[in-house]
Amino acid sequence: MSLAAQTTLAPDRREGPARRLRALTQPARRRRPRVLYAIVAVAGAVAIGAAQMALSVLTTQGSYQLAELSSQQRDLNWQKQILYDDVAGLSSPQYLAANASALGMVINESPSYLRLSDGAILGASQVALGASSVDALGRGAVGNALITDTPLVTAPDATIEGAPVVEPPTDTADGTTPIVNTPPPLTDGLPTPTTH
């Protein structure tokens, strides 16, 4: 090869700017987490846990109060039913007839009526005799177990059957009579008879 052939080849030139080299900066150090952020995060977690525990305690306390109030309501419902039974017994025809008889009233076999518009008396207008032929508390009357031990209003020492009033026993220290007609409290479930 000749020297002329070697000179004909021109070196490859690029038209763009030459690549520049630059020095790299030292990589930034990793930042350490700040202590303040960690304290805030831990304090937030503790506050959330404490709030959950407080809500749990309040809910549990509310359920205990609800159970106590429902027990009191059940007892009050029993007492209300006892009072309704007492009122029903005291307003029964047997009790009214026994009190009227204790006052000396008799049943008139031929009743008379007063007409208010003109004041006229309708009926036989005879005075009732000292003894009544109708026995309001006799065999024809239906017995009323609600008032067998209840004293009469007009005769406090007698009952509807004529028997003397028996005082219930006093178990308390202050001499008050305890309520004896309430059902026993159910602590161990329903009472069952003992069988063999």
C-alpha atoms as a PDB file:
ATOM      1  CA  MET A   1       0.000   0.000   0.000  1.00  0.00           C
ATOM      2  CA  SER A   2       1.140   3.314  -0.849  1.00  0.00           C
ATOM      3  CA  LEU A   3       1.413   6.356   1.142  1.00  0.00           C
ATOM      4  CA  ALA A   4      -1.100   8.188  -0.994  1.00  0.00           C
ATOM      5  CA  ALA A   5      -3.761   5.615  -0.206  1.00  0.00           C
ATOM      6  CA  GLN A   6      -3.232   6.095   3.425  1.00  0.00           C
ATOM      7  CA  THR A   7      -3.677   9.796   3.188  1.00  0.00           C
ATOM      8  CA  THR A   8      -6.938   9.607   1.351  1.00  0.00           C
ATOM      9  CA  LEU A   9      -8.824   8.213   4.290  1.00  0.00           C
ATOM     10  CA  ALA A  10      -9.924  10.989   6.500  1.00  0.00           C
ATOM     11  CA  PRO A  11     -10.584  10.433  10.164  1.00  0.00           C
ATOM     12  CA  ASP A  12     -14.247  10.109  11.200  1.00  0.00           C
ATOM     13  CA  ARG A  13     -15.441  13.358  12.688  1.00  0.00           C
ATOM     14  CA  ARG A  14     -18.540  13.981  14.588  1.00  0.00           C
ATOM     15  CA  GLU A  15     -20.489  17.092  14.053  1.00  0.00           C
ATOM     16  CA  GLY A  16     -21.943  17.333  17.569  1.00  0.00           C
ATOM     17  CA  PRO A  17     -20.125  18.775  20.532  1.00  0.00           C
ATOM     18  CA  ALA A  18     -17.761  16.540  22.253  1.00  0.00           C
ATOM     19  CA  ARG A  19     -18.913  14.735  25.336  1.00  0.00           C
ATOM     20  CA  ARG A  20     -17.869  16.552  28.413  1.00  0.00           C
ATOM     21  CA  LEU A  21     -16.850  14.800  31.503  1.00  0.00           C
ATOM     22  CA  ARG A  22     -17.797  16.129  34.877  1.00  0.00           C
ATOM     23  CA  ALA A  23     -16.930  15.188  38.400  1.00  0.00           C
ATOM     24  CA  LEU A  24     -19.565  13.457  40.495  1.00  0.00           C
ATOM     25  CA  THR A  25     -20.618  14.927  43.774  1.00  0.00           C
ATOM     26  CA  GLN A  26     -20.399  12.892  46.900  1.00  0.00           C
ATOM     27  CA  PRO A  27     -23.672  10.979  47.427  1.00  0.00           C
ATOM     28  CA  ALA A  28     -25.928  12.500  50.077  1.00  0.00           C
ATOM     29  CA  ARG A  29     -25.964  10.735  53.371  1.00  0.00           C
ATOM     30  CA  ARG A  30     -29.148   8.924  54.299  1.00  0.00           C
ATOM     31  CA  ARG A  31     -31.146  11.004  56.668  1.00  0.00           C
ATOM     32  CA  ARG A  32     -31.762   9.529  60.035  1.00  0.00           C
ATOM     33  CA  PRO A  33     -35.415   9.587  61.128  1.00  0.00           C
ATOM     34  CA  ARG A  34     -36.039  12.428  63.428  1.00  0.00           C
ATOM     35  CA  VAL A  35     -36.725  11.567  67.035  1.00  0.00           C
ATOM     36  CA  LEU A  36     -39.686  13.949  67.187  1.00  0.00           C
ATOM     37  CA  TYR A  37     -41.577  12.034  64.501  1.00  0.00           C
ATOM     38  CA  ALA A  38     -40.995   8.774  66.347  1.00  0.00           C
ATOM     39  CA  ILE A  39     -42.227  10.262  69.622  1.00  0.00           C
ATOM     40  CA  VAL A  40     -45.377  11.625  67.943  1.00  0.00           C
ATOM     41  CA  ALA A  41     -46.082   8.251  66.310  1.00  0.00           C
ATOM     42  CA  VAL A  42     -45.650   6.320  69.580  1.00  0.00           C
ATOM     43  CA  ALA A  43     -47.722   8.864  71.516  1.00  0.00           C
ATOM     44  CA  GLY A  44     -50.490   8.628  68.883  1.00  0.00           C
ATOM     45  CA  ALA A  45     -50.541   4.829  69.116  1.00  0.00           C
ATOM     46  CA  VAL A  46     -50.689   4.989  72.919  1.00  0.00           C
ATOM     47  CA  ALA A  47     -53.523   7.565  72.783  1.00  0.00           C
ATOM     48  CA  ILE A  48     -55.531   5.386  70.380  1.00  0.00           C
ATOM     49  CA  GLY A  49     -55.032   2.337  72.619  1.00  0.00           C
ATOM     50  CA  ALA A  50     -56.061   4.296  75.721  1.00  0.00           C
ATOM     51  CA  ALA A  51     -59.180   5.622  73.961  1.00  0.00           C
ATOM     52  CA  GLN A  52     -60.170   2.090  72.924  1.00  0.00           C
ATOM     53  CA  MET A  53     -59.692   0.823  76.471  1.00  0.00           C
ATOM     54  CA  ALA A  54     -61.736   3.700  77.915  1.00  0.00           C
ATOM     55  CA  LEU A  55     -64.582   3.048  75.462  1.00  0.00           C
ATOM     56  CA  SER A  56     -64.469  -0.644  76.326  1.00  0.00           C
ATOM     57  CA  VAL A  57     -64.668   0.084  80.058  1.00  0.00           C
ATOM     58  CA  LEU A  58     -67.563   2.519  79.551  1.00  0.00           C
ATOM     59  CA  THR A  59     -69.432  -0.007  77.399  1.00  0.00           C
ATOM     60  CA  THR A  60     -68.940  -2.736  79.990  1.00  0.00           C
ATOM     61  CA  GLN A  61     -70.065  -0.426  82.802  1.00  0.00           C
ATOM     62  CA  GLY A  62     -73.149   0.527  80.768  1.00  0.00           C
ATOM     63  CA  SER A  63     -74.064  -3.128  80.267  1.00  0.00           C
ATOM     64  CA  TYR A  64     -73.813  -3.772  84.025  1.00  0.00           C
ATOM     65  CA  GLN A  65     -76.037  -0.778  84.740  1.00  0.00           C
ATOM     66  CA  LEU A  66     -78.499  -1.997  82.115  1.00  0.00           C
ATOM     67  CA  ALA A  67     -78.634  -5.446  83.737  1.00  0.00           C
ATOM     68  CA  GLU A  68     -79.209  -3.877  87.172  1.00  0.00           C
ATOM     69  CA  LEU A  69     -81.970  -1.617  85.859  1.00  0.00           C
ATOM     70  CA  SER A  70     -83.703  -4.486  84.074  1.00  0.00           C
ATOM     71  CA  SER A  71     -83.616  -6.477  87.332  1.00  0.00           C
ATOM     72  CA  GLN A  72     -85.178  -3.522  89.171  1.00  0.00           C
ATOM     73  CA  GLN A  73     -87.797  -3.208  86.442  1.00  0.00           C
ATOM     74  CA  ARG A  74     -88.680  -6.898  86.787  1.00  0.00           C
ATOM     75  CA  ASP A  75     -89.074  -6.491  90.570  1.00  0.00           C
ATOM     76  CA  LEU A  76     -91.220  -3.383  90.098  1.00  0.00           C
ATOM     77  CA  ASN A  77     -93.380  -5.208  87.549  1.00  0.00           C
ATOM     78  CA  TRP A  78     -93.957  -7.987  90.097  1.00  0.00           C
ATOM     79  CA  GLN A  79     -94.911  -5.446  92.760  1.00  0.00           C
ATOM     80  CA  LYS A  80     -97.195  -3.668  90.289  1.00  0.00           C
ATOM     81  CA  GLN A  81     -98.931  -6.966  89.478  1.00  0.00           C
ATOM     82  CA  ILE A  82     -99.356  -7.678  93.208  1.00  0.00           C
ATOM     83  CA  LEU A  83    -100.919  -4.236  93.705  1.00  0.00           C
ATOM     84  CA  TYR A  84    -103.243  -4.786  90.720  1.00  0.00           C
ATOM     85  CA  ASP A  85    -104.330  -8.090  92.263  1.00  0.00           C
ATOM     86  CA  ASP A  86    -104.939  -6.373  95.610  1.00  0.00           C
ATOM     87  CA  VAL A  87    -107.026  -3.649  93.960  1.00  0.00           C
ATOM     88  CA  ALA A  88    -108.978  -6.254  91.983  1.00  0.00           C
ATOM     89  CA  GLY A  89    -109.715  -8.146  95.192  1.00  0.00           C
ATOM     90  CA  LEU A  90    -110.774  -5.007  97.059  1.00  0.00           C
ATOM     91  CA  SER A  91    -113.138  -3.988  94.267  1.00  0.00           C
ATOM     92  CA  SER A  92    -114.695  -7.446  93.996  1.00  0.00           C
ATOM     93  CA  PRO A  93    -118.442  -7.850  94.691  1.00  0.00           C
ATOM     94  CA  GLN A  94    -117.732 -10.240  97.584  1.00  0.00           C
ATOM     95  CA  TYR A  95    -115.584  -7.697  99.425  1.00  0.00           C
ATOM     96  CA  LEU A  96    -118.090  -4.887  98.844  1.00  0.00           C
ATOM     97  CA  ALA A  97    -120.965  -7.118 100.037  1.00  0.00           C
ATOM     98  CA  ALA A  98    -119.015  -8.138 103.167  1.00  0.00           C
ATOM     99  CA  ASN A  99    -118.285  -4.493 104.024  1.00  0.00           C
ATOM    100  CA  ALA A 100    -121.913  -3.501 103.404  1.00  0.00           C
ATOM    101  CA  SER A 101    -123.073  -6.358 105.621  1.00  0.00           C
ATOM    102  CA  ALA A 102    -120.670  -5.258 108.372  1.00  0.00           C
ATOM    103  CA  LEU A 103    -122.200  -1.775 108.157  1.00  0.00           C
ATOM    104  CA  GLY A 104    -125.679  -3.256 108.678  1.00  0.00           C
ATOM    105  CA  MET A 105    -126.878  -2.883 105.110  1.00  0.00           C
ATOM    106  CA  VAL A 106    -129.240  -5.491 103.731  1.00  0.00           C
ATOM    107  CA  ILE A 107    -130.300  -6.394 100.227  1.00  0.00           C
ATOM    108  CA  ASN A 108    -133.818  -5.218  99.485  1.00  0.00           C
ATOM    109  CA  GLU A 109    -135.848  -7.858  97.701  1.00  0.00           C
ATOM    110  CA  SER A 110    -138.168  -5.314  96.122  1.00  0.00           C
ATOM    111  CA  PRO A 111    -136.031  -2.328  95.168  1.00  0.00           C
ATOM    112  CA  SER A 112    -137.486   1.092  94.530  1.00  0.00           C
ATOM    113  CA  TYR A 113    -136.197   3.705  92.131  1.00  0.00           C
ATOM    114  CA  LEU A 114    -136.390   7.472  92.110  1.00  0.00           C
ATOM    115  CA  ARG A 115    -137.117   9.129  88.781  1.00  0.00           C
ATOM    116  CA  LEU A 116    -135.162  12.394  88.752  1.00  0.00           C
ATOM    117  CA  SER A 117    -137.255  14.203  86.134  1.00  0.00           C
ATOM    118  CA  ASP A 118    -140.362  14.470  88.295  1.00  0.00           C
ATOM    119  CA  GLY A 119    -139.280  12.979  91.660  1.00  0.00           C
ATOM    120  CA  ALA A 120    -141.647  10.019  91.422  1.00  0.00           C
ATOM    121  CA  ILE A 121    -140.859   6.812  93.333  1.00  0.00           C
ATOM    122  CA  LEU A 122    -141.143   3.680  91.203  1.00  0.00           C
ATOM    123  CA  GLY A 123    -141.521   0.269  92.840  1.00  0.00           C
ATOM    124  CA  ALA A 124    -143.047  -1.108  96.028  1.00  0.00           C
ATOM    125  CA  SER A 125    -141.369   1.523  98.205  1.00  0.00           C
ATOM    126  CA  GLN A 126    -141.219  -0.704 101.233  1.00  0.00           C
ATOM    127  CA  VAL A 127    -138.524  -0.590 103.856  1.00  0.00           C
ATOM    128  CA  ALA A 128    -136.077  -3.487 103.781  1.00  0.00           C
ATOM    129  CA  LEU A 129    -136.324  -5.807 106.736  1.00  0.00           C
ATOM    130  CA  GLY A 130    -133.505  -6.193 109.251  1.00  0.00           C
ATOM    131  CA  ALA A 131    -132.359  -9.449 107.660  1.00  0.00           C
ATOM    132  CA  SER A 132    -131.903 -10.133 103.980  1.00  0.00           C
ATOM    133  CA  SER A 133    -133.108 -13.310 102.363  1.00  0.00           C
ATOM    134  CA  VAL A 134    -130.276 -13.036  99.807  1.00  0.00           C
ATOM    135  CA  ASP A 135    -126.921 -14.124 101.212  1.00  0.00           C
ATOM    136  CA  ALA A 136    -124.225 -12.385  99.165  1.00  0.00           C
ATOM    137  CA  LEU A 137    -121.446 -14.358 100.826  1.00  0.00           C
ATOM    138  CA  GLY A 138    -123.241 -17.697 101.112  1.00  0.00           C
ATOM    139  CA  ARG A 139    -122.989 -20.886  99.131  1.00  0.00           C
ATOM    140  CA  GLY A 140    -123.987 -19.314  95.838  1.00  0.00           C
ATOM    141  CA  ALA A 141    -121.096 -16.858  95.891  1.00  0.00           C
ATOM    142  CA  VAL A 142    -117.833 -17.716  94.239  1.00  0.00           C
ATOM    143  CA  GLY A 143    -114.939 -17.636  96.689  1.00  0.00           C
ATOM    144  CA  ASN A 144    -112.237 -15.069  96.147  1.00  0.00           C
ATOM    145  CA  ALA A 145    -108.773 -16.183  97.269  1.00  0.00           C
ATOM    146  CA  LEU A 146    -107.382 -12.668  96.841  1.00  0.00           C
ATOM    147  CA  ILE A 147    -109.349 -11.311  99.811  1.00  0.00           C
ATOM    148  CA  THR A 148    -109.632 -14.246 102.242  1.00  0.00           C
ATOM    149  CA  ASP A 149    -107.046 -12.733 104.608  1.00  0.00           C
ATOM    150  CA  THR A 150    -107.837  -9.063 103.910  1.00  0.00           C
ATOM    151  CA  PRO A 151    -109.486  -7.253 106.846  1.00  0.00           C
ATOM    152  CA  LEU A 152    -112.778  -5.484 106.217  1.00  0.00           C
ATOM    153  CA  VAL A 153    -112.779  -1.705 106.069  1.00  0.00           C
ATOM    154  CA  THR A 154    -115.714  -1.444 108.439  1.00  0.00           C
ATOM    155  CA  ALA A 155    -114.520  -4.179 110.839  1.00  0.00           C
ATOM    156  CA  PRO A 156    -110.685  -4.260 110.855  1.00  0.00           C
ATOM    157  CA  ASP A 157    -110.605  -7.264 113.200  1.00  0.00           C
ATOM    158  CA  ALA A 158    -112.572  -9.540 110.831  1.00  0.00           C
ATOM    159  CA  THR A 159    -112.086 -10.890 107.316  1.00  0.00           C
ATOM    160  CA  ILE A 160    -114.631 -11.693 104.619  1.00  0.00           C
ATOM    161  CA  GLU A 161    -115.124 -15.154 106.133  1.00  0.00           C
ATOM    162  CA  GLY A 162    -115.635 -13.714 109.611  1.00  0.00           C
ATOM    163  CA  ALA A 163    -112.321 -15.073 110.922  1.00  0.00           C
ATOM    164  CA  PRO A 164    -110.057 -12.831 112.977  1.00  0.00           C
ATOM    165  CA  VAL A 165    -107.166 -11.171 111.149  1.00  0.00           C
ATOM    166  CA  VAL A 166    -103.853 -12.946 111.641  1.00  0.00           C
ATOM    167  CA  GLU A 167    -100.858 -10.641 111.776  1.00  0.00           C
ATOM    168  CA  PRO A 168     -97.978 -11.719 109.529  1.00  0.00           C
ATOM    169  CA  PRO A 169     -94.644 -12.284 111.277  1.00  0.00           C
ATOM    170  CA  THR A 170     -92.222  -9.388 111.449  1.00  0.00           C
ATOM    171  CA  ASP A 171     -88.689 -10.379 110.562  1.00  0.00           C
ATOM    172  CA  THR A 172     -87.038  -6.993 110.428  1.00  0.00           C
ATOM    173  CA  ALA A 173     -85.435  -5.168 113.320  1.00  0.00           C
ATOM    174  CA  ASP A 174     -87.538  -2.013 112.909  1.00  0.00           C
ATOM    175  CA  GLY A 175     -90.829  -3.944 113.177  1.00  0.00           C
ATOM    176  CA  THR A 176     -92.009  -3.442 109.594  1.00  0.00           C
ATOM    177  CA  THR A 177     -93.729  -6.300 107.849  1.00  0.00           C
ATOM    178  CA  PRO A 178     -91.750  -7.713 104.925  1.00  0.00           C
ATOM    179  CA  ILE A 179     -93.473  -8.355 101.626  1.00  0.00           C
ATOM    180  CA  VAL A 180     -94.334 -12.053 101.704  1.00  0.00           C
ATOM    181  CA  ASN A 181     -96.296 -12.412  98.485  1.00  0.00           C
ATOM    182  CA  THR A 182     -93.463 -11.786  96.058  1.00  0.00           C
ATOM    183  CA  PRO A 183     -91.937 -14.715  94.204  1.00  0.00           C
ATOM    184  CA  PRO A 184     -88.553 -15.935  95.392  1.00  0.00           C
ATOM    185  CA  PRO A 185     -85.538 -14.561  93.526  1.00  0.00           C
ATOM    186  CA  LEU A 186     -84.152 -16.900  90.899  1.00  0.00           C
ATOM    187  CA  THR A 187     -80.451 -17.247  91.617  1.00  0.00           C
ATOM    188  CA  ASP A 188     -79.791 -20.862  90.662  1.00  0.00           C
ATOM    189  CA  GLY A 189     -82.286 -21.217  87.820  1.00  0.00           C
ATOM    190  CA  LEU A 190     -85.883 -22.329  88.020  1.00  0.00           C
ATOM    191  CA  PRO A 191     -86.915 -24.245  91.149  1.00  0.00           C
ATOM    192  CA  THR A 192     -87.637 -27.889  90.457  1.00  0.00           C
ATOM    193  CA  PRO A 193     -89.084 -30.612  92.681  1.00  0.00           C
ATOM    194  CA  THR A 194     -86.778 -33.257  94.036  1.00  0.00           C
ATOM    195  CA  THR A 195     -87.549 -36.631  92.478  1.00  0.00           C
ATOM    196  CA  HIS A 196     -86.143 -40.102  93.026  1.00  0.00           C
END
